Amino acid sequence: MNLYIIVEGKATEPIVYTAWLKILAPQMTKIENAWEVAENNYYLFSSQGIPSIYKHVANAIVDVNSINEGNKGKYDYLLVCLDTEEETREYIEDQISKAVKENGEELKDAKLLVFEQKVCMETWFLGNRKVFKANAQDEVLLSYISEYNVRDLNPEDMNNLRPESYSTNAKFHLDYLKRMFRERNIRYSKSKPDEVCKEPFLEQLISRYQDTNDIETFGSWYEFIKHNLV
């Protein structure tokens, strides 16, 4: 099994997906050159954001087709992982389809799968019930919990509850997460997401999904990995 993976973010996603794949599928080896694919490899590329990711997907299709035709190894899947932000999955799929059509080449000998991070990857991280501290001291965090308790309610459903000071839901979710971590004396930044890369943290997200079916978009990614790579 070989994967060509495109992620949206330039910092968090490359670090976290690499760490999680090492935990869940240790037989997979990350390669730095897409043409070096052999067996049990994955190539991971950051598109540096939206909307550039749509064009990068179209270009990746051309690359995967060329590699699969003229190389000893081949890619089985082209995975696209991105935040939904304020958009829907349908909108994202439509934008990908438009970019692919404009580029004039469809994926031939591999399968394209889109995994959305609703609202953002930090939304998934809010699903860790063990990190959540019920007796938080931060007054701002307490106001967030009062408005929407992510221990009891699905973080992915926390839409449009942000204070006016946040321009997007994703920015609000990031601040909620940072404050939640701070209660445990844990530092988090998008460029240093060390805590979420650890196996116990990942296990808590898997448990949350399996127990409650919350963080369902995380669950979709996890189910793919479990059934195809583990």
Protein backbone atom coordinates (compact mmCIF):
# COMPACT_ATOMS: atom_id res chain seq x y z
CA MET A 1 0.00 0.00 0.00
CA ASN A 2 1.31 3.42 -1.00
CA LEU A 3 -0.23 6.82 -0.29
CA TYR A 4 0.23 10.24 -1.85
CA ILE A 5 -1.05 12.70 0.76
CA ILE A 6 -1.82 16.39 0.30
CA VAL A 7 -2.54 18.40 3.44
CA GLU A 8 -3.70 21.97 3.65
CA GLY A 9 -1.66 23.39 6.51
CA LYS A 10 2.03 24.14 6.35
CA ALA A 11 2.78 23.34 10.01
CA THR A 12 0.33 21.32 12.10
CA GLU A 13 -0.94 18.74 9.62
CA PRO A 14 2.45 17.56 8.28
CA ILE A 15 3.73 17.11 11.82
CA VAL A 16 0.63 15.44 13.27
CA TYR A 17 -0.21 13.11 10.39
CA THR A 18 3.40 11.95 10.24
CA ALA A 19 3.41 11.22 13.98
CA TRP A 20 0.05 9.46 13.91
CA LEU A 21 0.98 7.28 10.95
CA LYS A 22 4.15 6.24 12.76
CA ILE A 23 1.98 5.10 15.68
CA LEU A 24 -0.86 3.45 13.76
CA ALA A 25 1.04 2.10 10.77
CA PRO A 26 4.71 1.77 11.71
CA GLN A 27 5.40 -0.33 8.62
CA MET A 28 4.80 2.75 6.45
CA THR A 29 7.89 4.73 5.48
CA LYS A 30 7.72 8.39 4.59
CA ILE A 31 9.57 9.37 1.41
CA GLU A 32 10.76 12.84 0.45
CA ASN A 33 10.52 12.35 -3.32
CA ALA A 34 7.22 11.16 -4.75
CA TRP A 35 9.03 9.20 -7.47
CA GLU A 36 10.86 7.08 -4.90
CA VAL A 37 7.71 5.10 -4.09
CA ALA A 38 8.27 1.35 -3.71
CA GLU A 39 6.29 -0.58 -1.08
CA ASN A 40 4.54 0.64 2.09
CA ASN A 41 5.52 4.23 1.39
CA TYR A 42 3.77 7.54 1.74
CA TYR A 43 4.60 10.93 0.32
CA LEU A 44 3.19 13.94 2.17
CA PHE A 45 2.96 17.38 0.61
CA SER A 46 1.67 20.64 2.11
CA SER A 47 -0.34 22.88 -0.20
CA GLN A 48 0.23 25.89 2.07
CA GLY A 49 -3.46 26.62 2.48
CA ILE A 50 -6.72 27.27 0.66
CA PRO A 51 -7.49 27.87 -2.19
CA SER A 52 -4.08 26.72 -3.47
CA ILE A 53 -4.79 23.15 -2.34
CA TYR A 54 -7.35 22.69 -5.14
CA LYS A 55 -4.78 23.40 -7.84
CA HIS A 56 -2.24 21.22 -6.06
CA VAL A 57 -4.68 18.30 -6.08
CA ALA A 58 -5.12 18.68 -9.83
CA ASN A 59 -1.35 18.78 -10.32
CA ALA A 60 -0.89 15.79 -7.99
CA ILE A 61 -3.23 13.76 -10.19
CA VAL A 62 -0.92 14.38 -13.12
CA ASP A 63 2.07 13.36 -11.00
CA VAL A 64 0.42 10.19 -9.68
CA ASN A 65 -0.65 9.15 -13.17
CA SER A 66 2.89 9.64 -14.47
CA ILE A 67 4.48 7.81 -11.55
CA ASN A 68 2.06 4.90 -11.78
CA GLU A 69 2.73 4.54 -15.51
CA GLY A 70 6.50 4.80 -15.55
CA ASN A 71 7.71 3.67 -12.16
CA LYS A 72 8.25 0.30 -10.47
CA GLY A 73 6.18 1.40 -7.50
CA LYS A 74 2.68 2.84 -7.67
CA TYR A 75 0.30 4.83 -5.53
CA ASP A 76 -2.95 3.21 -4.43
CA TYR A 77 -4.55 6.33 -2.99
CA LEU A 78 -4.36 10.09 -3.32
CA LEU A 79 -5.52 11.48 0.03
CA VAL A 80 -6.56 15.10 0.47
CA CYS A 81 -6.80 16.39 4.06
CA LEU A 82 -8.08 19.90 4.75
CA ASP A 83 -10.08 22.08 7.12
CA THR A 84 -13.68 22.80 6.24
CA GLU A 85 -13.41 26.19 8.02
CA GLU A 86 -16.74 27.89 7.15
CA GLU A 87 -17.41 25.70 4.11
CA THR A 88 -19.16 22.37 3.52
CA ARG A 89 -17.74 19.11 2.23
CA GLU A 90 -19.88 19.51 -0.88
CA TYR A 91 -18.31 22.88 -1.63
CA ILE A 92 -14.80 21.45 -1.14
CA GLU A 93 -15.49 18.50 -3.43
CA ASP A 94 -16.93 20.86 -6.04
CA GLN A 95 -13.81 23.04 -5.95
CA ILE A 96 -11.58 20.00 -6.36
CA SER A 97 -13.70 18.77 -9.29
CA LYS A 98 -13.49 22.18 -10.98
CA ALA A 99 -9.70 22.33 -10.59
CA VAL A 100 -9.29 18.80 -11.94
CA LYS A 101 -11.55 19.54 -14.91
CA GLU A 102 -9.64 22.74 -15.71
CA ASN A 103 -6.37 20.81 -15.57
CA GLY A 104 -7.74 18.28 -18.04
CA GLU A 105 -6.60 15.01 -16.46
CA GLU A 106 -8.51 12.57 -14.27
CA LEU A 107 -6.92 10.15 -11.81
CA LYS A 108 -6.46 6.82 -13.58
CA ASP A 109 -4.93 4.03 -11.54
CA ALA A 110 -5.47 5.17 -7.95
CA LYS A 111 -8.36 6.35 -5.80
CA LEU A 112 -8.92 9.93 -4.64
CA LEU A 113 -10.23 10.31 -1.07
CA VAL A 114 -11.04 13.59 0.67
CA PHE A 115 -10.80 13.77 4.47
CA GLU A 116 -12.17 16.99 5.90
CA GLN A 117 -11.16 18.33 9.30
CA LYS A 118 -14.35 19.89 10.63
CA VAL A 119 -13.91 22.81 11.48
CA CYS A 120 -10.16 22.49 11.75
CA MET A 121 -7.67 19.99 13.11
CA GLU A 122 -7.77 21.69 16.52
CA THR A 123 -11.48 20.83 16.64
CA TRP A 124 -10.47 17.17 16.68
CA PHE A 125 -8.02 17.82 19.51
CA LEU A 126 -10.80 19.35 21.62
CA GLY A 127 -12.28 15.85 21.73
CA ASN A 128 -9.69 14.64 24.25
CA ARG A 129 -11.79 14.21 27.41
CA LYS A 130 -8.78 13.40 29.60
CA VAL A 131 -7.11 16.76 28.92
CA PHE A 132 -10.36 18.61 29.65
CA LYS A 133 -10.33 19.99 33.20
CA ALA A 134 -13.78 20.42 34.73
CA ASN A 135 -12.59 22.78 37.49
CA ALA A 136 -10.77 25.17 35.16
CA GLN A 137 -9.41 28.40 36.67
CA ASP A 138 -9.25 30.50 33.51
CA GLU A 139 -12.34 32.73 33.50
CA VAL A 140 -12.38 32.99 29.71
CA LEU A 141 -12.19 29.21 29.39
CA LEU A 142 -15.00 28.86 31.92
CA SER A 143 -17.14 31.13 29.76
CA TYR A 144 -16.40 28.94 26.74
CA ILE A 145 -17.31 25.80 28.71
CA SER A 146 -20.52 27.40 29.91
CA GLU A 147 -21.45 28.21 26.34
CA TYR A 148 -20.34 24.86 24.88
CA ASN A 149 -18.82 22.06 26.94
CA VAL A 150 -16.61 20.05 24.56
CA ARG A 151 -16.28 17.19 27.05
CA ASP A 152 -20.00 16.48 26.85
CA LEU A 153 -20.87 17.90 23.44
CA ASN A 154 -19.34 17.11 20.06
CA PRO A 155 -16.60 19.66 19.28
CA GLU A 156 -17.46 19.38 15.57
CA ASP A 157 -20.92 20.81 16.28
CA MET A 158 -19.55 23.93 17.96
CA ASN A 159 -20.38 26.19 15.03
CA ASN A 160 -21.00 29.93 15.06
CA LEU A 161 -20.65 30.24 18.84
CA ARG A 162 -17.46 32.24 18.67
CA PRO A 163 -17.15 35.61 20.40
CA GLU A 164 -17.14 38.62 18.09
CA SER A 165 -13.39 39.04 18.62
CA TYR A 166 -12.73 35.93 16.50
CA SER A 167 -13.06 36.27 12.74
CA THR A 168 -13.49 32.52 12.15
CA ASN A 169 -14.68 29.45 14.02
CA ALA A 170 -11.24 27.90 13.51
CA LYS A 171 -9.53 30.73 15.40
CA PHE A 172 -12.00 30.36 18.26
CA HIS A 173 -11.47 26.59 18.42
CA LEU A 174 -7.70 27.14 18.51
CA ASP A 175 -8.01 29.50 21.45
CA TYR A 176 -10.36 27.12 23.27
CA LEU A 177 -7.79 24.36 22.82
CA LYS A 178 -4.85 26.49 23.96
CA ARG A 179 -6.69 27.52 27.12
CA MET A 180 -7.75 23.93 27.79
CA PHE A 181 -4.13 22.78 27.47
CA ARG A 182 -2.89 25.64 29.63
CA GLU A 183 -4.96 24.31 32.54
CA ARG A 184 -2.76 21.20 32.34
CA ASN A 185 0.44 23.26 31.98
CA ILE A 186 0.76 22.13 28.37
CA ARG A 187 1.86 24.51 25.64
CA TYR A 188 0.37 24.21 22.19
CA SER A 189 1.10 26.04 18.97
CA LYS A 190 0.40 25.18 15.36
CA SER A 191 4.13 24.86 14.69
CA LYS A 192 4.77 22.81 17.87
CA PRO A 193 1.81 20.49 18.41
CA ASP A 194 3.94 18.11 20.48
CA GLU A 195 1.24 16.91 22.90
CA VAL A 196 -1.23 15.82 20.22
CA CYS A 197 1.47 13.76 18.49
CA LYS A 198 1.79 11.42 21.48
CA GLU A 199 0.20 7.97 21.44
CA PRO A 200 -1.89 8.48 24.63
CA PHE A 201 -3.43 11.62 23.12
CA LEU A 202 -4.28 9.83 19.89
CA GLU A 203 -5.76 6.94 21.88
CA GLN A 204 -8.07 9.38 23.67
CA LEU A 205 -9.38 10.71 20.34
CA ILE A 206 -9.96 7.18 19.09
CA SER A 207 -11.80 6.35 22.32
CA ARG A 208 -13.97 9.47 22.05
CA TYR A 209 -14.93 8.61 18.49
CA GLN A 210 -15.61 4.94 19.24
CA ASP A 211 -17.57 5.62 22.43
CA THR A 212 -19.74 8.47 21.19
CA ASN A 213 -19.31 8.81 17.41
CA ASP A 214 -18.22 12.40 18.11
CA ILE A 215 -15.41 13.96 16.01
CA GLU A 216 -16.76 11.93 13.12
CA THR A 217 -14.45 13.41 10.50
CA PHE A 218 -11.49 12.25 12.59
CA GLY A 219 -13.20 8.88 12.74
CA SER A 220 -13.43 8.70 8.94
CA TRP A 221 -9.67 9.20 8.64
CA TYR A 222 -8.98 6.72 11.44
CA GLU A 223 -11.27 4.06 9.92
CA PHE A 224 -9.44 4.35 6.60
CA ILE A 225 -6.08 3.87 8.30
CA LYS A 226 -7.35 1.00 10.47
CA HIS A 227 -8.91 -0.94 7.62
CA ASN A 228 -6.20 -0.34 5.01
CA LEU A 229 -2.89 0.06 6.82
CA VAL A 230 -3.10 -1.49 10.28
